[in-house]
Protein backbone atom coordinates (compact mmCIF):
# COMPACT_ATOMS: atom_id res chain seq x y z
CA MET A 1 20.38 17.10 -7.40
CA THR A 2 18.85 13.80 -6.27
CA THR A 3 16.36 12.22 -8.65
CA ILE A 4 13.59 10.15 -7.07
CA ALA A 5 11.44 7.71 -9.04
CA VAL A 6 8.06 6.42 -7.90
CA THR A 7 6.74 3.40 -9.76
CA ALA A 8 2.99 2.91 -10.23
CA ALA A 9 2.76 6.65 -9.66
CA THR A 10 -0.78 6.94 -10.99
CA GLY A 11 -2.10 4.43 -8.45
CA GLN A 12 -3.79 5.41 -5.21
CA LEU A 13 -0.63 5.18 -3.13
CA GLY A 14 1.72 6.39 -5.85
CA ARG A 15 -0.10 9.67 -6.37
CA LEU A 16 -0.02 10.33 -2.64
CA VAL A 17 3.73 9.65 -2.52
CA VAL A 18 4.36 12.11 -5.36
CA ALA A 19 2.24 14.70 -3.53
CA ALA A 20 4.15 14.05 -0.30
CA LEU A 21 7.48 14.51 -2.08
CA LEU A 22 6.29 17.83 -3.49
CA ASP A 23 5.08 18.87 -0.03
CA ARG A 24 8.56 18.14 1.30
CA GLY A 25 10.04 20.58 -1.21
CA VAL A 26 11.33 18.17 -3.84
CA GLU A 27 11.44 19.94 -7.18
CA PRO A 28 8.94 18.48 -9.68
CA GLY A 29 11.68 17.95 -12.25
CA SER A 30 13.57 15.78 -9.76
CA ILE A 31 10.63 13.38 -9.48
CA VAL A 32 10.18 10.58 -12.01
CA ALA A 33 6.65 9.20 -12.25
CA ALA A 34 7.27 5.71 -13.66
CA VAL A 35 3.89 4.56 -14.94
CA ARG A 36 2.42 1.88 -17.17
CA THR A 37 0.20 4.36 -19.03
CA PRO A 38 1.80 7.82 -19.34
CA GLU A 39 -1.46 9.34 -20.60
CA LYS A 40 -2.93 8.80 -17.14
CA ALA A 41 -0.19 10.98 -15.64
CA ALA A 42 -0.93 14.09 -17.70
CA ASP A 43 -1.76 16.01 -14.53
CA LEU A 44 1.62 15.10 -13.02
CA ALA A 45 3.40 16.12 -16.21
CA ALA A 46 1.58 19.46 -16.04
CA LEU A 47 3.17 20.01 -12.62
CA GLY A 48 6.62 19.46 -14.12
CA VAL A 49 7.06 15.87 -12.96
CA ASP A 50 9.11 13.72 -15.34
CA VAL A 51 6.67 11.07 -16.59
CA ARG A 52 8.23 7.90 -18.02
CA GLU A 53 6.68 4.69 -19.27
CA ALA A 54 7.42 1.76 -16.95
CA ASP A 55 5.54 -1.50 -17.41
CA TYR A 56 6.55 -4.17 -14.88
CA THR A 57 6.08 -6.86 -17.54
CA ARG A 58 8.24 -5.07 -20.13
CA PRO A 59 11.85 -4.88 -18.88
CA ASP A 60 12.93 -2.55 -21.68
CA THR A 61 10.62 0.18 -20.40
CA LEU A 62 11.89 -0.30 -16.85
CA VAL A 63 15.53 0.05 -17.81
CA ALA A 64 14.80 3.27 -19.67
CA ALA A 65 12.58 4.65 -16.90
CA LEU A 66 15.21 4.23 -14.18
CA GLN A 67 18.19 5.63 -16.07
CA GLY A 68 19.70 8.52 -14.12
CA VAL A 69 17.57 7.80 -11.05
CA ASP A 70 19.22 7.99 -7.63
CA ARG A 71 16.44 6.65 -5.42
CA VAL A 72 13.40 4.59 -6.34
CA LEU A 73 10.23 3.55 -4.56
CA VAL A 74 8.95 0.28 -5.99
CA ILE A 75 5.24 0.09 -5.22
CA SER A 76 4.01 -3.48 -5.33
CA SER A 77 2.04 -4.49 -8.40
CA ASP A 78 -1.74 -4.74 -8.31
CA GLN A 79 -1.58 -8.15 -9.99
CA ILE A 80 -2.04 -9.99 -6.70
CA GLY A 81 -0.93 -13.60 -6.81
CA ASP A 82 1.24 -13.04 -9.88
CA ARG A 83 3.65 -10.31 -8.87
CA ALA A 84 6.98 -11.88 -8.03
CA ALA A 85 8.32 -12.20 -11.59
CA SER A 86 7.26 -8.73 -12.71
CA GLN A 87 8.61 -7.10 -9.57
CA ALA A 88 11.89 -8.93 -10.09
CA ASN A 89 12.04 -7.13 -13.44
CA VAL A 90 11.95 -3.80 -11.61
CA VAL A 91 14.72 -4.90 -9.25
CA ALA A 92 16.87 -5.95 -12.21
CA ALA A 93 16.32 -2.59 -13.90
CA ALA A 94 17.26 -0.77 -10.69
CA GLU A 95 20.45 -2.83 -10.50
CA GLN A 96 21.30 -1.93 -14.08
CA ALA A 97 20.62 1.74 -13.35
CA GLY A 98 22.80 1.58 -10.23
CA VAL A 99 20.31 3.37 -8.00
CA ALA A 100 21.61 4.51 -4.62
CA LEU A 101 18.50 3.36 -2.73
CA LEU A 102 15.57 1.08 -3.49
CA ALA A 103 12.53 1.16 -1.20
CA TYR A 104 9.89 -1.53 -1.62
CA THR A 105 6.32 -1.53 -0.30
CA SER A 106 5.96 -4.98 1.22
CA ILE A 107 3.37 -6.24 3.72
CA LEU A 108 3.32 -6.07 7.50
CA ASN A 109 5.03 -9.02 9.19
CA ALA A 110 6.04 -10.38 5.78
CA ASP A 111 8.48 -12.90 7.22
CA SER A 112 6.04 -14.41 9.70
CA THR A 113 2.49 -14.01 8.42
CA ALA A 114 0.62 -16.99 7.00
CA MET A 115 -1.55 -14.76 4.80
CA LEU A 116 -1.66 -15.82 1.16
CA LEU A 117 -1.27 -12.17 0.21
CA ALA A 118 2.27 -12.21 1.59
CA ALA A 119 3.69 -14.86 -0.76
CA ASP A 120 4.59 -12.46 -3.59
CA HIS A 121 6.06 -9.99 -1.10
CA ARG A 122 8.28 -12.65 0.46
CA ALA A 123 9.52 -13.65 -2.99
CA THR A 124 10.36 -10.03 -3.83
CA GLU A 125 12.08 -9.52 -0.48
CA ALA A 126 14.15 -12.64 -1.18
CA ARG A 127 15.14 -11.23 -4.57
CA LEU A 128 16.16 -7.98 -2.90
CA ARG A 129 18.32 -9.83 -0.39
CA GLU A 130 20.23 -11.31 -3.33
CA SER A 131 20.89 -7.83 -4.71
CA ASP A 132 23.84 -5.57 -3.96
CA LEU A 133 21.50 -2.57 -3.97
CA PRO A 134 20.99 -0.55 -0.79
CA VAL A 135 17.43 -1.55 0.14
CA VAL A 136 14.80 -0.43 2.64
CA LEU A 137 11.66 -2.47 3.20
CA LEU A 138 8.47 -0.55 3.91
CA ARG A 139 6.19 -3.29 5.21
CA ASN A 140 2.85 -1.55 4.94
CA GLY A 141 -0.03 -2.65 7.13
CA TRP A 142 -3.72 -2.22 6.37
CA TYR A 143 -5.02 1.04 4.97
CA THR A 144 -8.14 2.43 6.63
CA GLU A 145 -9.45 2.86 3.08
CA ASN A 146 -9.48 -0.91 2.69
CA TYR A 147 -12.71 -0.59 4.66
CA THR A 148 -13.91 2.96 4.04
CA GLY A 149 -13.51 2.53 0.28
CA GLN A 150 -16.43 0.09 0.40
CA LEU A 151 -18.57 2.21 2.70
CA ALA A 152 -21.53 2.59 0.32
CA THR A 153 -21.72 -1.18 -0.11
CA THR A 154 -21.29 -1.71 3.62
CA LEU A 155 -24.17 0.64 4.38
CA GLU A 156 -26.36 -1.39 2.04
CA HIS A 157 -25.33 -4.90 3.01
CA GLY A 158 -23.53 -4.62 6.33
CA LEU A 159 -19.90 -5.30 7.19
CA VAL A 160 -19.02 -8.89 6.34
CA GLY A 161 -15.75 -10.64 7.13
CA ALA A 162 -14.00 -13.68 8.48
CA SER A 163 -12.03 -11.90 11.20
CA GLY A 164 -13.89 -13.08 14.29
CA ASP A 165 -12.92 -10.88 17.21
CA GLY A 166 -9.45 -10.20 15.78
CA ARG A 167 -8.05 -6.70 15.64
CA VAL A 168 -6.31 -4.79 12.88
CA GLN A 169 -4.09 -1.71 13.08
CA VAL A 170 -5.06 0.83 10.45
CA ALA A 171 -3.90 4.18 9.09
CA PRO A 172 -4.84 6.02 5.89
CA ARG A 173 -2.77 5.73 2.72
CA LYS A 174 -1.59 9.31 3.10
CA ASP A 175 0.28 8.37 6.29
CA PHE A 176 2.09 5.52 4.52
CA ALA A 177 2.80 7.83 1.57
CA GLU A 178 4.26 10.47 3.87
CA ALA A 179 6.46 7.85 5.53
CA ALA A 180 7.71 6.71 2.13
CA ALA A 181 8.52 10.30 1.16
CA ILE A 182 10.41 10.77 4.43
CA VAL A 183 12.52 7.69 3.69
CA LEU A 184 13.13 8.71 0.08
CA THR A 185 14.32 12.18 1.06
CA GLY A 186 16.19 11.21 4.23
CA ASP A 187 19.41 9.45 5.14
CA GLY A 188 20.34 6.40 7.18
CA HIS A 189 17.51 4.14 6.01
CA GLU A 190 19.62 1.70 3.99
CA GLY A 191 19.27 -1.87 5.20
CA ARG A 192 16.31 -1.06 7.42
CA THR A 193 13.01 -2.93 7.62
CA TYR A 194 10.09 -0.83 8.83
CA GLU A 195 6.97 -2.59 10.13
CA LEU A 196 4.40 0.11 9.37
CA ALA A 197 1.08 -0.09 11.20
CA GLY A 198 -1.39 2.51 12.40
CA ASP A 199 -1.78 3.41 16.04
CA ASP A 200 -5.50 2.61 15.95
CA GLU A 201 -6.36 -1.03 16.61
CA LEU A 202 -9.91 -2.07 15.76
CA SER A 203 -12.07 -5.17 15.76
CA MET A 204 -14.66 -5.49 13.01
CA PRO A 205 -17.58 -4.84 15.42
CA GLU A 206 -15.79 -1.67 16.55
CA LEU A 207 -15.32 -0.62 12.94
CA ALA A 208 -19.03 -1.21 12.30
CA THR A 209 -19.78 1.07 15.24
CA LEU A 210 -17.55 3.78 13.76
CA PHE A 211 -19.45 3.50 10.48
CA ALA A 212 -22.78 3.71 12.27
CA ASP A 213 -21.76 6.73 14.33
CA ALA A 214 -20.41 8.59 11.30
CA THR A 215 -23.40 7.93 9.04
CA GLY A 216 -26.31 7.71 11.45
CA ARG A 217 -27.16 4.37 9.86
CA GLU A 218 -27.36 0.97 11.45
CA VAL A 219 -24.30 -1.08 10.60
CA ALA A 220 -23.65 -4.54 11.97
CA TYR A 221 -20.73 -6.91 11.51
CA GLN A 222 -21.46 -10.40 10.20
CA ASP A 223 -18.74 -12.99 10.65
CA VAL A 224 -18.72 -15.83 8.11
CA PRO A 225 -16.36 -18.72 7.28
CA VAL A 226 -13.56 -18.01 4.79
CA PRO A 227 -15.12 -20.06 1.95
CA VAL A 228 -18.41 -18.19 2.36
CA LEU A 229 -16.63 -14.84 2.27
CA ALA A 230 -14.76 -15.92 -0.87
CA GLU A 231 -18.10 -16.77 -2.50
CA ILE A 232 -19.52 -13.38 -1.51
CA LEU A 233 -16.50 -11.61 -3.01
CA ALA A 234 -16.79 -13.68 -6.17
CA GLY A 235 -20.45 -12.70 -6.40
CA ALA A 236 -19.37 -9.06 -6.16
CA GLY A 237 -17.22 -9.56 -9.25
CA LEU A 238 -13.79 -10.39 -7.83
CA PRO A 239 -12.08 -13.11 -9.87
CA ALA A 240 -10.33 -16.16 -8.50
CA PRO A 241 -7.83 -16.36 -6.91
CA LEU A 242 -8.20 -12.75 -5.73
CA ASN A 243 -11.44 -13.49 -3.89
CA GLU A 244 -9.79 -16.38 -1.99
CA ILE A 245 -6.73 -14.28 -1.18
CA LEU A 246 -8.80 -11.41 0.20
CA ALA A 247 -11.02 -13.75 2.19
CA ASP A 248 -7.88 -15.29 3.67
CA SER A 249 -6.63 -11.80 4.53
CA SER A 250 -9.79 -11.18 6.51
CA ALA A 251 -9.05 -14.38 8.42
CA GLY A 252 -5.51 -13.09 8.89
CA VAL A 253 -6.97 -10.21 10.89
CA GLY A 254 -8.56 -12.81 13.13
CA ARG A 255 -5.16 -14.44 13.59
CA GLY A 256 -3.58 -11.13 14.60
CA GLU A 257 -1.35 -10.99 11.55
CA LEU A 258 -2.08 -7.33 10.80
CA GLN A 259 -0.89 -6.09 14.17
CA ASN A 260 2.62 -4.98 15.06
CA GLY A 261 3.86 -3.07 18.06
CA SER A 262 6.98 -1.57 16.50
CA GLY A 263 5.62 1.98 16.36
CA ASP A 264 7.68 2.49 13.20
CA LEU A 265 5.03 4.40 11.27
CA ALA A 266 4.39 7.02 13.95
CA ARG A 267 8.12 7.29 14.61
CA LEU A 268 8.89 7.96 10.94
CA LEU A 269 6.08 10.49 10.75
CA GLY A 270 7.13 12.19 13.98
CA ARG A 271 3.49 12.21 15.06
CA PRO A 272 0.64 9.83 15.87
CA THR A 273 -0.96 8.21 12.87
CA THR A 274 -4.26 9.64 11.64
CA PRO A 275 -7.16 8.33 13.74
CA ALA A 276 -9.47 5.90 11.98
CA VAL A 277 -12.48 7.97 12.98
CA ASP A 278 -11.19 10.89 10.88
CA THR A 279 -10.92 8.75 7.75
CA VAL A 280 -14.31 7.17 8.43
CA ARG A 281 -15.93 10.62 8.78
CA GLU A 282 -14.36 11.78 5.50
CA ALA A 283 -15.74 8.70 3.75
CA ALA A 284 -19.15 9.19 5.32
CA ALA A 285 -19.25 12.79 4.12
CA ALA A 286 -18.37 11.69 0.59
CA VAL A 287 -21.08 9.04 0.58
CA ALA A 288 -23.61 11.60 1.79
CA VAL A 289 -22.87 14.00 -1.08
């Protein structure tokens, strides 16, 4: 029986991947939820999922967590700007465990984008290229929730960015999670790099229109320079350098760096990606409650 580990399994993407694995018929006991805080995974343990402590900064926990694991999904750390070393710890633990497949959630166009956000991903990809492990790169594009998750604030203050008239391809996290589960339970993915982007391609003014239509509220897009956006994000409580990195990512949309015509995500799913309007309507309904 194949054992599949999902790191950061209590995060937003990780939980969806575990759910997608269960939906695909993987037995709960064959799923390892490798998490920094096991207490936060009590609900997964109640389902029969094997919960193990796995802190990216504590190699001893990683080695123990991946023992007996056949396939592992390494979800990138949330410590943006300081991830390469800790993610290298996970790779080393996977090597020691001798996993048969390691999938890593990188970023769209990792080898060509100028976005600051990509630096840690490129470093981790480089570490993986040095490894003898069978590897598959899941280069995730932008989640629709990157925008809908801030809908309440957007309705109050408007949609602000530094994207100009650039366009971004979006899909909800559940689509990326389903694609990851398909790779983890399938064959023939070793050595592949998947550029995963949604079918929907939106400019920020078009996204503002979607928000307005779904909520019945007036929503306008305000384009500002990158330093101004960084100051706005800092004022909202985001620390440096995260505010600068996210402001730069908004500019990356303007440069077309979150677009990719590979069609890999829809092809893996075997269907079109979920339309942005559906995710926007779900968010609007939640805000209205």
